[in-house]
């Protein structure tokens, strides 16, 4: 059976790096970080992608290099993936079920004046 080795952004295959093996981390055991970019002041941060980095500072620097190459961002957040808790899509019905009884929260009952935009 043949194994295919995956490379990540910035990786140099060990057999082509020209460096002697020193026993240091190759980066494949580095934690995964989620990257959020705010494109303009006043807007929300949006998920841009993921990357591997040794620590938060390295994650921010790598995120800057990978996701804001054309000066798209004014702010970068990085969060180690293991600290993100998410809902299970299969349990969405149970999670959002209480909101069904609160129809008054839906904007269909309100008449908005024409001066109010983007609501």
N, C-alpha and C. Protein backbone atom coordinates (compact mmCIF):
# COMPACT_ATOMS: atom_id res chain seq x y z
N UNK A 1 0.85 -1.17 0.00
CA UNK A 1 0.00 0.00 0.00
C UNK A 1 0.90 1.24 0.00
N UNK A 2 0.57 2.20 -0.85
CA UNK A 2 1.37 3.40 -0.97
C UNK A 2 0.68 4.56 -0.25
N UNK A 3 1.44 5.32 0.51
CA UNK A 3 0.91 6.46 1.25
C UNK A 3 1.23 7.73 0.48
N UNK A 4 0.26 8.64 0.47
CA UNK A 4 0.46 9.94 -0.17
C UNK A 4 0.66 10.96 0.94
N UNK A 5 1.76 11.70 0.88
CA UNK A 5 2.05 12.69 1.90
C UNK A 5 1.43 14.01 1.50
N UNK A 6 0.66 14.62 2.42
CA UNK A 6 0.05 15.92 2.16
C UNK A 6 1.01 17.02 2.59
N UNK A 7 1.12 18.04 1.78
CA UNK A 7 1.91 19.20 2.13
C UNK A 7 0.98 20.37 2.36
N UNK A 8 1.36 21.24 3.25
CA UNK A 8 0.58 22.43 3.57
C UNK A 8 1.31 23.64 3.05
N UNK A 9 0.61 24.76 2.98
CA UNK A 9 1.18 26.00 2.47
C UNK A 9 2.51 26.31 3.17
N UNK A 10 3.54 26.52 2.42
CA UNK A 10 4.84 26.87 2.97
C UNK A 10 5.73 25.68 3.30
N UNK A 11 5.20 24.47 3.19
CA UNK A 11 6.01 23.30 3.50
C UNK A 11 7.04 23.06 2.39
N UNK A 12 8.20 22.64 2.79
CA UNK A 12 9.22 22.20 1.85
C UNK A 12 9.45 20.72 2.15
N UNK A 13 9.27 19.88 1.17
CA UNK A 13 9.50 18.45 1.43
C UNK A 13 10.89 18.23 2.00
N UNK A 14 10.97 17.38 3.01
CA UNK A 14 12.23 17.17 3.71
C UNK A 14 13.35 16.69 2.79
N UNK A 15 13.01 15.87 1.80
CA UNK A 15 14.04 15.36 0.90
C UNK A 15 14.54 16.43 -0.08
N UNK A 16 13.84 17.58 -0.19
CA UNK A 16 14.25 18.65 -1.10
C UNK A 16 14.72 19.89 -0.37
N UNK A 17 14.68 19.87 0.95
CA UNK A 17 15.02 21.08 1.69
C UNK A 17 16.52 21.32 1.77
N UNK A 18 17.31 20.29 1.65
CA UNK A 18 18.75 20.44 1.75
C UNK A 18 19.24 20.56 3.18
N UNK A 19 18.33 20.52 4.14
CA UNK A 19 18.71 20.64 5.54
C UNK A 19 18.85 19.27 6.16
N UNK A 20 19.76 19.18 7.10
CA UNK A 20 19.92 17.93 7.84
C UNK A 20 18.79 17.80 8.84
N UNK A 21 18.37 16.59 9.10
CA UNK A 21 17.30 16.37 10.06
C UNK A 21 17.82 16.66 11.45
N UNK A 22 17.15 17.59 12.16
CA UNK A 22 17.62 18.00 13.48
C UNK A 22 16.71 17.50 14.58
N UNK A 23 15.63 16.82 14.22
CA UNK A 23 14.70 16.34 15.24
C UNK A 23 13.67 17.40 15.60
N UNK A 24 13.73 18.58 14.97
CA UNK A 24 12.75 19.62 15.26
C UNK A 24 11.42 19.27 14.60
N UNK A 25 10.38 19.95 15.03
CA UNK A 25 9.04 19.73 14.51
C UNK A 25 8.99 20.09 13.03
N UNK A 26 8.31 19.28 12.25
CA UNK A 26 8.17 19.54 10.82
C UNK A 26 6.96 20.41 10.52
N UNK A 27 6.17 20.74 11.55
CA UNK A 27 5.00 21.57 11.33
C UNK A 27 3.72 20.77 11.23
N UNK A 28 3.83 19.47 11.06
CA UNK A 28 2.64 18.66 10.90
C UNK A 28 1.98 18.36 12.24
N UNK A 29 2.67 18.61 13.33
CA UNK A 29 2.04 18.44 14.63
C UNK A 29 1.67 19.79 15.23
N UNK A 30 1.82 20.87 14.44
CA UNK A 30 1.38 22.18 14.90
C UNK A 30 -0.14 22.23 14.93
N UNK A 31 -0.70 23.01 15.85
CA UNK A 31 -2.17 23.08 15.91
C UNK A 31 -2.77 23.80 14.71
N UNK A 32 -4.02 23.51 14.46
CA UNK A 32 -4.78 24.15 13.39
C UNK A 32 -5.41 25.43 13.94
N UNK A 33 -5.31 26.51 13.20
CA UNK A 33 -5.87 27.82 13.59
C UNK A 33 -6.90 28.24 12.57
N UNK A 34 -8.00 28.82 13.04
CA UNK A 34 -9.02 29.39 12.16
C UNK A 34 -8.74 30.88 12.06
N UNK A 35 -8.84 31.43 10.87
CA UNK A 35 -8.48 32.82 10.60
C UNK A 35 -9.75 33.61 10.24
N UNK A 36 -9.90 34.76 10.90
CA UNK A 36 -11.02 35.67 10.64
C UNK A 36 -10.44 37.03 10.27
N UNK A 37 -10.95 37.61 9.18
CA UNK A 37 -10.45 38.89 8.66
C UNK A 37 -11.59 39.90 8.66
N UNK A 38 -11.28 41.12 9.12
CA UNK A 38 -12.23 42.23 8.98
C UNK A 38 -11.71 43.08 7.84
N UNK A 39 -12.51 43.22 6.78
CA UNK A 39 -12.03 43.90 5.58
C UNK A 39 -12.03 45.41 5.71
N UNK A 40 -13.00 45.98 6.47
CA UNK A 40 -13.06 47.44 6.66
C UNK A 40 -13.50 47.73 8.08
N UNK A 41 -13.12 48.90 8.58
CA UNK A 41 -13.59 49.30 9.89
C UNK A 41 -15.12 49.38 9.89
N UNK A 42 -15.72 48.90 10.96
CA UNK A 42 -17.17 48.92 11.08
C UNK A 42 -17.85 47.66 10.59
N UNK A 43 -17.14 46.82 9.86
CA UNK A 43 -17.71 45.56 9.40
C UNK A 43 -17.31 44.43 10.34
N UNK A 44 -17.98 43.31 10.21
CA UNK A 44 -17.69 42.17 11.07
C UNK A 44 -16.51 41.36 10.50
N UNK A 45 -15.89 40.58 11.37
CA UNK A 45 -14.85 39.65 10.93
C UNK A 45 -15.53 38.49 10.22
N UNK A 46 -14.91 38.00 9.16
CA UNK A 46 -15.43 36.85 8.42
C UNK A 46 -14.37 35.77 8.36
N UNK A 47 -14.82 34.53 8.40
CA UNK A 47 -13.89 33.40 8.34
C UNK A 47 -13.22 33.38 6.98
N UNK A 48 -11.89 33.38 6.98
CA UNK A 48 -11.13 33.40 5.75
C UNK A 48 -10.55 32.03 5.41
N UNK A 49 -10.28 31.21 6.44
CA UNK A 49 -9.69 29.91 6.19
C UNK A 49 -8.99 29.39 7.42
N UNK A 50 -8.15 28.39 7.21
CA UNK A 50 -7.43 27.73 8.30
C UNK A 50 -5.96 27.60 7.92
N UNK A 51 -5.12 27.48 8.94
CA UNK A 51 -3.71 27.23 8.70
C UNK A 51 -3.09 26.59 9.94
N UNK A 52 -1.94 26.00 9.76
CA UNK A 52 -1.19 25.40 10.87
C UNK A 52 -0.09 26.36 11.28
N UNK A 53 0.10 26.53 12.59
CA UNK A 53 1.16 27.39 13.10
C UNK A 53 1.55 26.92 14.49
N UNK A 54 2.77 27.25 14.89
CA UNK A 54 3.28 26.82 16.19
C UNK A 54 2.64 27.58 17.35
N UNK A 55 2.32 28.87 17.14
CA UNK A 55 1.72 29.68 18.21
C UNK A 55 0.87 30.78 17.58
N UNK A 56 0.23 31.59 18.44
CA UNK A 56 -0.69 32.62 17.96
C UNK A 56 0.02 33.67 17.11
N UNK A 57 1.20 34.10 17.52
CA UNK A 57 1.93 35.12 16.76
C UNK A 57 2.27 34.62 15.37
N UNK A 58 2.72 33.40 15.27
CA UNK A 58 3.05 32.82 13.97
C UNK A 58 1.77 32.67 13.14
N UNK A 59 0.66 32.33 13.77
CA UNK A 59 -0.62 32.20 13.06
C UNK A 59 -1.05 33.54 12.47
N UNK A 60 -0.89 34.61 13.23
CA UNK A 60 -1.25 35.94 12.73
C UNK A 60 -0.35 36.33 11.56
N UNK A 61 0.94 36.10 11.68
CA UNK A 61 1.87 36.45 10.61
C UNK A 61 1.59 35.63 9.35
N UNK A 62 1.33 34.34 9.52
CA UNK A 62 1.01 33.50 8.36
C UNK A 62 -0.33 33.90 7.75
N UNK A 63 -1.31 34.24 8.59
CA UNK A 63 -2.62 34.68 8.10
C UNK A 63 -2.47 35.96 7.29
N UNK A 64 -1.65 36.87 7.78
CA UNK A 64 -1.39 38.12 7.05
C UNK A 64 -0.82 37.80 5.67
N UNK A 65 0.16 36.90 5.63
CA UNK A 65 0.83 36.58 4.37
C UNK A 65 -0.09 35.83 3.41
N UNK A 66 -0.95 34.97 3.94
CA UNK A 66 -1.78 34.13 3.09
C UNK A 66 -3.10 34.81 2.71
N UNK A 67 -3.76 35.46 3.65
CA UNK A 67 -5.12 35.93 3.42
C UNK A 67 -5.26 37.44 3.20
N UNK A 68 -4.20 38.21 3.38
CA UNK A 68 -4.30 39.66 3.14
C UNK A 68 -3.15 40.15 2.26
N UNK A 69 -2.85 39.42 1.24
CA UNK A 69 -1.74 39.77 0.36
C UNK A 69 -1.96 41.07 -0.39
N UNK A 70 -3.21 41.44 -0.60
CA UNK A 70 -3.51 42.65 -1.37
C UNK A 70 -4.09 43.75 -0.48
N UNK A 71 -3.69 43.76 0.78
CA UNK A 71 -4.13 44.78 1.74
C UNK A 71 -5.65 44.79 1.92
N UNK A 72 -6.28 43.59 1.95
CA UNK A 72 -7.73 43.51 2.07
C UNK A 72 -8.23 43.73 3.49
N UNK A 73 -7.38 43.58 4.48
CA UNK A 73 -7.88 43.57 5.84
C UNK A 73 -7.38 44.71 6.71
N UNK A 74 -8.16 45.01 7.76
CA UNK A 74 -7.73 45.98 8.76
C UNK A 74 -7.55 45.31 10.12
N UNK A 75 -8.01 44.05 10.24
CA UNK A 75 -7.89 43.33 11.51
C UNK A 75 -7.90 41.83 11.24
N UNK A 76 -7.07 41.11 11.99
CA UNK A 76 -7.00 39.65 11.87
C UNK A 76 -7.23 39.04 13.24
N UNK A 77 -8.10 38.05 13.30
CA UNK A 77 -8.27 37.23 14.50
C UNK A 77 -7.84 35.82 14.15
N UNK A 78 -7.14 35.16 15.05
CA UNK A 78 -6.84 33.74 14.91
C UNK A 78 -7.31 33.04 16.18
N UNK A 79 -7.91 31.89 16.00
CA UNK A 79 -8.41 31.09 17.12
C UNK A 79 -7.99 29.65 16.89
N UNK A 80 -7.38 29.06 17.91
CA UNK A 80 -7.00 27.67 17.77
C UNK A 80 -8.27 26.83 17.65
N UNK A 81 -8.32 26.00 16.62
CA UNK A 81 -9.53 25.25 16.29
C UNK A 81 -10.09 24.42 17.43
N UNK A 82 -9.21 23.93 18.29
CA UNK A 82 -9.69 23.07 19.38
C UNK A 82 -10.54 23.84 20.39
N UNK A 83 -10.49 25.17 20.36
CA UNK A 83 -11.27 25.97 21.29
C UNK A 83 -12.62 26.40 20.73
N UNK A 84 -12.93 26.00 19.50
CA UNK A 84 -14.21 26.34 18.90
C UNK A 84 -15.19 25.21 19.16
N UNK A 85 -16.34 25.57 19.68
CA UNK A 85 -17.41 24.61 19.90
C UNK A 85 -18.52 24.92 18.91
N UNK A 86 -18.98 23.90 18.22
CA UNK A 86 -20.00 24.10 17.19
C UNK A 86 -21.20 23.21 17.44
N UNK A 87 -22.31 23.60 16.87
CA UNK A 87 -23.52 22.79 16.96
C UNK A 87 -23.45 21.66 15.95
N UNK A 88 -24.23 20.65 16.19
CA UNK A 88 -24.34 19.52 15.28
C UNK A 88 -25.52 19.80 14.34
N UNK A 89 -25.30 19.85 13.03
CA UNK A 89 -26.41 20.15 12.10
C UNK A 89 -27.57 19.17 12.23
N UNK A 90 -27.29 17.94 12.63
CA UNK A 90 -28.36 16.94 12.77
C UNK A 90 -29.28 17.27 13.94
N UNK A 91 -28.82 18.07 14.89
CA UNK A 91 -29.63 18.43 16.06
C UNK A 91 -30.19 19.86 15.95
N UNK A 92 -30.20 20.42 14.77
CA UNK A 92 -30.65 21.80 14.58
C UNK A 92 -32.11 21.97 14.97
N UNK A 93 -32.94 20.99 14.68
CA UNK A 93 -34.36 21.10 15.01
C UNK A 93 -34.58 21.29 16.50
N UNK A 94 -33.92 20.50 17.31
CA UNK A 94 -34.04 20.61 18.77
C UNK A 94 -33.47 21.93 19.28
N UNK A 95 -32.38 22.37 18.68
CA UNK A 95 -31.72 23.58 19.15
C UNK A 95 -32.56 24.83 18.87
N UNK A 96 -33.12 24.90 17.67
CA UNK A 96 -33.85 26.10 17.26
C UNK A 96 -35.35 26.00 17.48
N UNK A 97 -35.84 24.88 17.97
CA UNK A 97 -37.27 24.67 18.17
C UNK A 97 -37.92 25.75 19.04
N UNK A 98 -37.32 26.20 20.15
CA UNK A 98 -37.98 27.22 20.96
C UNK A 98 -38.25 28.53 20.22
N UNK A 99 -37.50 28.85 19.19
CA UNK A 99 -37.68 30.09 18.44
C UNK A 99 -38.95 30.07 17.60
N UNK A 100 -39.48 28.89 17.29
CA UNK A 100 -40.69 28.79 16.47
C UNK A 100 -41.88 29.42 17.18
N UNK A 101 -41.90 29.34 18.50
CA UNK A 101 -43.02 29.90 19.28
C UNK A 101 -42.95 31.42 19.40
N UNK A 102 -41.90 32.03 18.94
CA UNK A 102 -41.71 33.48 19.13
C UNK A 102 -41.79 34.19 17.79
N UNK A 103 -42.96 34.09 17.15
CA UNK A 103 -43.10 34.67 15.82
C UNK A 103 -43.00 36.19 15.83
N UNK A 104 -43.22 36.79 17.00
CA UNK A 104 -43.11 38.24 17.09
C UNK A 104 -41.69 38.73 16.85
N UNK A 105 -40.73 37.84 16.86
CA UNK A 105 -39.34 38.23 16.60
C UNK A 105 -39.03 38.36 15.11
N UNK A 106 -39.94 37.89 14.29
CA UNK A 106 -39.73 37.97 12.84
C UNK A 106 -40.21 39.33 12.35
N UNK A 107 -39.49 39.98 11.48
CA UNK A 107 -39.83 41.35 11.07
C UNK A 107 -41.03 41.45 10.14
N UNK A 108 -41.75 40.37 9.91
CA UNK A 108 -42.88 40.43 8.98
C UNK A 108 -44.06 41.18 9.57
N UNK A 109 -44.08 41.44 10.87
CA UNK A 109 -45.20 42.11 11.51
C UNK A 109 -45.01 43.62 11.61
N UNK A 110 -43.88 44.12 11.17
CA UNK A 110 -43.57 45.53 11.35
C UNK A 110 -43.59 46.24 10.01
N UNK A 111 -44.13 47.43 10.00
CA UNK A 111 -44.07 48.28 8.81
C UNK A 111 -42.93 49.27 9.01
N UNK A 112 -41.95 49.17 8.14
CA UNK A 112 -40.79 50.06 8.24
C UNK A 112 -40.95 51.25 7.29
N UNK A 113 -40.58 52.42 7.75
CA UNK A 113 -40.64 53.58 6.86
C UNK A 113 -39.62 53.43 5.72
N UNK A 114 -39.87 54.11 4.64
CA UNK A 114 -39.00 54.03 3.47
C UNK A 114 -37.60 54.56 3.75
N UNK A 115 -37.46 55.41 4.75
CA UNK A 115 -36.14 55.99 5.07
C UNK A 115 -35.19 54.97 5.69
N UNK A 116 -35.76 53.89 6.21
CA UNK A 116 -34.92 52.86 6.85
C UNK A 116 -34.43 51.90 5.78
N UNK A 117 -33.14 51.88 5.59
CA UNK A 117 -32.53 51.01 4.57
C UNK A 117 -31.75 49.89 5.23
N UNK A 118 -31.60 48.80 4.52
CA UNK A 118 -30.72 47.69 4.91
C UNK A 118 -31.05 47.12 6.29
N UNK A 119 -32.29 46.90 6.57
CA UNK A 119 -32.63 46.33 7.86
C UNK A 119 -33.09 44.91 7.70
